[in-house]
Amino acid sequence: MIGDTLRKQREALKQSDRSYSLRQVAQRVGIEPAYLSKIERGTVPPPGEETLKKLADELNLDTDVLLALAGKISSDLQEIIRKRSKLFAELIRQLKEAPDHAVLSIVREVSDGDW
């Protein structure tokens, strides 16, 4: 799934900018083109957090979404969760079935500091 997302986004960007070839993207991210090809085809496990962050930046993708597609959570979020693991576990479980608008409402309330 992550490979499909990466390939589709890279190819979409390549339509208007030829610098998004597999070889050029791999070079800018600092990996071998063959490795990027394997990631896109799903023949290797997803790369580590740093490589995924670089790919997200390069391809204009949301880093957290890309990490989630790879079955990972960013190290900064892991640290936040570790500090109050019981509270965050309960919050996530409670929000699991909540509609998006309810979750967005909570995010806005917290962001505004109006609680």
C-alpha atoms as a PDB file:
ATOM      1  CA  MET A   1       0.000   0.000   0.000  1.00  0.00           C
ATOM      2  CA  ILE A   2       2.771   2.455   0.862  1.00  0.00           C
ATOM      3  CA  GLY A   3       4.569   1.571  -2.352  1.00  0.00           C
ATOM      4  CA  ASP A   4       1.463   2.284  -4.416  1.00  0.00           C
ATOM      5  CA  THR A   5       1.034   5.646  -2.692  1.00  0.00           C
ATOM      6  CA  LEU A   6       4.650   6.618  -3.320  1.00  0.00           C
ATOM      7  CA  ARG A   7       4.621   5.494  -6.949  1.00  0.00           C
ATOM      8  CA  LYS A   8       1.295   7.162  -7.777  1.00  0.00           C
ATOM      9  CA  GLN A   9       2.372  10.446  -6.220  1.00  0.00           C
ATOM     10  CA  ARG A  10       5.806  10.384  -7.867  1.00  0.00           C
ATOM     11  CA  GLU A  11       4.278   9.603 -11.270  1.00  0.00           C
ATOM     12  CA  ALA A  12       1.636  12.319 -10.830  1.00  0.00           C
ATOM     13  CA  LEU A  13       4.350  14.874 -10.071  1.00  0.00           C
ATOM     14  CA  LYS A  14       6.397  13.570 -12.994  1.00  0.00           C
ATOM     15  CA  GLN A  15       3.561  14.486 -15.377  1.00  0.00           C
ATOM     16  CA  SER A  16       4.366  18.165 -14.920  1.00  0.00           C
ATOM     17  CA  ASP A  17       8.011  17.923 -13.808  1.00  0.00           C
ATOM     18  CA  ARG A  18      10.381  15.374 -15.296  1.00  0.00           C
ATOM     19  CA  SER A  19      12.693  15.715 -12.285  1.00  0.00           C
ATOM     20  CA  TYR A  20      10.407  13.256 -10.480  1.00  0.00           C
ATOM     21  CA  SER A  21      11.850  10.239 -12.261  1.00  0.00           C
ATOM     22  CA  LEU A  22      12.576   7.292 -10.021  1.00  0.00           C
ATOM     23  CA  ARG A  23      16.320   7.840 -10.391  1.00  0.00           C
ATOM     24  CA  GLN A  24      16.217  11.559  -9.587  1.00  0.00           C
ATOM     25  CA  VAL A  25      13.890  11.197  -6.600  1.00  0.00           C
ATOM     26  CA  ALA A  26      16.059   8.416  -5.188  1.00  0.00           C
ATOM     27  CA  GLN A  27      19.157  10.551  -5.620  1.00  0.00           C
ATOM     28  CA  ARG A  28      17.605  13.544  -3.836  1.00  0.00           C
ATOM     29  CA  VAL A  29      16.402  11.342  -0.973  1.00  0.00           C
ATOM     30  CA  GLY A  30      19.781   9.617  -0.682  1.00  0.00           C
ATOM     31  CA  ILE A  31      18.844   6.047  -1.591  1.00  0.00           C
ATOM     32  CA  GLU A  32      19.586   3.799  -4.536  1.00  0.00           C
ATOM     33  CA  PRO A  33      17.090   3.865  -7.423  1.00  0.00           C
ATOM     34  CA  ALA A  34      16.802   0.080  -7.249  1.00  0.00           C
ATOM     35  CA  TYR A  35      15.819   0.344  -3.584  1.00  0.00           C
ATOM     36  CA  LEU A  36      13.150   2.970  -4.324  1.00  0.00           C
ATOM     37  CA  SER A  37      11.831   0.734  -7.085  1.00  0.00           C
ATOM     38  CA  LYS A  38      11.569  -2.176  -4.636  1.00  0.00           C
ATOM     39  CA  ILE A  39       9.786   0.043  -2.101  1.00  0.00           C
ATOM     40  CA  GLU A  40       7.299   1.167  -4.743  1.00  0.00           C
ATOM     41  CA  ARG A  41       6.683  -2.432  -5.836  1.00  0.00           C
ATOM     42  CA  GLY A  42       6.359  -3.636  -2.236  1.00  0.00           C
ATOM     43  CA  THR A  43       9.089  -6.248  -2.546  1.00  0.00           C
ATOM     44  CA  VAL A  44      10.975  -4.935   0.496  1.00  0.00           C
ATOM     45  CA  PRO A  45       9.676  -3.817   3.882  1.00  0.00           C
ATOM     46  CA  PRO A  46       9.044  -0.084   4.245  1.00  0.00           C
ATOM     47  CA  PRO A  47      12.164   1.955   4.969  1.00  0.00           C
ATOM     48  CA  GLY A  48      12.929   3.601   8.286  1.00  0.00           C
ATOM     49  CA  GLU A  49      11.468   6.793   9.632  1.00  0.00           C
ATOM     50  CA  GLU A  50      14.141   9.143   8.279  1.00  0.00           C
ATOM     51  CA  THR A  51      13.884   7.816   4.732  1.00  0.00           C
ATOM     52  CA  LEU A  52      10.092   7.976   4.878  1.00  0.00           C
ATOM     53  CA  LYS A  53      10.258  11.578   6.098  1.00  0.00           C
ATOM     54  CA  LYS A  54      12.562  12.474   3.203  1.00  0.00           C
ATOM     55  CA  LEU A  55      10.253  10.755   0.719  1.00  0.00           C
ATOM     56  CA  ALA A  56       7.227  12.541   2.180  1.00  0.00           C
ATOM     57  CA  ASP A  57       8.964  15.902   1.894  1.00  0.00           C
ATOM     58  CA  GLU A  58      10.188  15.193  -1.623  1.00  0.00           C
ATOM     59  CA  LEU A  59       6.796  14.010  -2.856  1.00  0.00           C
ATOM     60  CA  ASN A  60       4.649  16.541  -0.976  1.00  0.00           C
ATOM     61  CA  LEU A  61       2.977  13.876   1.146  1.00  0.00           C
ATOM     62  CA  ASP A  62       1.937  14.121   4.779  1.00  0.00           C
ATOM     63  CA  THR A  63       4.706  12.541   6.861  1.00  0.00           C
ATOM     64  CA  ASP A  64       2.400  11.118   9.535  1.00  0.00           C
ATOM     65  CA  VAL A  65       0.108   9.569   6.939  1.00  0.00           C
ATOM     66  CA  LEU A  66       3.048   8.020   5.090  1.00  0.00           C
ATOM     67  CA  LEU A  67       4.475   6.641   8.334  1.00  0.00           C
ATOM     68  CA  ALA A  68       1.072   5.204   9.235  1.00  0.00           C
ATOM     69  CA  LEU A  69       0.851   3.490   5.841  1.00  0.00           C
ATOM     70  CA  ALA A  70       4.198   1.906   6.696  1.00  0.00           C
ATOM     71  CA  GLY A  71       2.864   0.767  10.075  1.00  0.00           C
ATOM     72  CA  LYS A  72       5.046   3.263  11.940  1.00  0.00           C
ATOM     73  CA  ILE A  73       4.597   6.220  14.264  1.00  0.00           C
ATOM     74  CA  SER A  74       7.026   9.143  14.258  1.00  0.00           C
ATOM     75  CA  SER A  75       9.556   9.165  17.072  1.00  0.00           C
ATOM     76  CA  ASP A  76       8.256  12.502  18.400  1.00  0.00           C
ATOM     77  CA  LEU A  77       4.727  11.069  18.732  1.00  0.00           C
ATOM     78  CA  GLN A  78       6.081   7.922  20.362  1.00  0.00           C
ATOM     79  CA  GLU A  79       7.787  10.060  22.999  1.00  0.00           C
ATOM     80  CA  ILE A  80       4.607  12.048  23.648  1.00  0.00           C
ATOM     81  CA  ILE A  81       2.586   8.838  24.006  1.00  0.00           C
ATOM     82  CA  ARG A  82       5.188   7.236  26.308  1.00  0.00           C
ATOM     83  CA  LYS A  83       5.011  10.146  28.726  1.00  0.00           C
ATOM     84  CA  ARG A  84       1.261   9.682  29.290  1.00  0.00           C
ATOM     85  CA  SER A  85       0.640   6.265  27.802  1.00  0.00           C
ATOM     86  CA  LYS A  86      -2.435   5.355  29.825  1.00  0.00           C
ATOM     87  CA  LEU A  87      -4.209   8.627  29.025  1.00  0.00           C
ATOM     88  CA  PHE A  88      -3.385   8.522  25.315  1.00  0.00           C
ATOM     89  CA  ALA A  89      -4.355   4.858  25.035  1.00  0.00           C
ATOM     90  CA  GLU A  90      -7.751   5.610  26.555  1.00  0.00           C
ATOM     91  CA  LEU A  91      -8.208   8.699  24.366  1.00  0.00           C
ATOM     92  CA  ILE A  92      -7.412   6.813  21.175  1.00  0.00           C
ATOM     93  CA  ARG A  93      -9.713   3.951  22.129  1.00  0.00           C
ATOM     94  CA  GLN A  94     -12.550   6.384  22.849  1.00  0.00           C
ATOM     95  CA  LEU A  95     -11.999   8.207  19.546  1.00  0.00           C
ATOM     96  CA  LYS A  96     -11.773   5.014  17.499  1.00  0.00           C
ATOM     97  CA  GLU A  97     -15.425   5.052  16.486  1.00  0.00           C
ATOM     98  CA  ALA A  98     -15.972   8.810  16.638  1.00  0.00           C
ATOM     99  CA  PRO A  99     -16.865  10.549  13.376  1.00  0.00           C
ATOM    100  CA  ASP A 100     -14.204  12.776  11.819  1.00  0.00           C
ATOM    101  CA  HIS A 101     -16.095  15.968  12.640  1.00  0.00           C
ATOM    102  CA  ALA A 102     -16.075  15.070  16.353  1.00  0.00           C
ATOM    103  CA  VAL A 103     -12.342  14.399  16.326  1.00  0.00           C
ATOM    104  CA  LEU A 104     -11.724  17.662  14.435  1.00  0.00           C
ATOM    105  CA  SER A 105     -13.786  19.504  17.006  1.00  0.00           C
ATOM    106  CA  ILE A 106     -11.580  18.166  19.779  1.00  0.00           C
ATOM    107  CA  VAL A 107      -8.423  19.057  17.858  1.00  0.00           C
ATOM    108  CA  ARG A 108      -9.669  22.616  17.307  1.00  0.00           C
ATOM    109  CA  GLU A 109     -10.626  22.986  20.955  1.00  0.00           C
ATOM    110  CA  VAL A 110      -7.185  21.860  22.094  1.00  0.00           C
ATOM    111  CA  SER A 111      -5.441  24.004  19.453  1.00  0.00           C
ATOM    112  CA  ASP A 112      -7.400  27.090  20.482  1.00  0.00           C
ATOM    113  CA  GLY A 113      -6.629  26.460  24.140  1.00  0.00           C
ATOM    114  CA  ASP A 114     -10.237  27.316  24.788  1.00  0.00           C
ATOM    115  CA  TRP A 115     -11.134  24.628  27.332  1.00  0.00           C
END
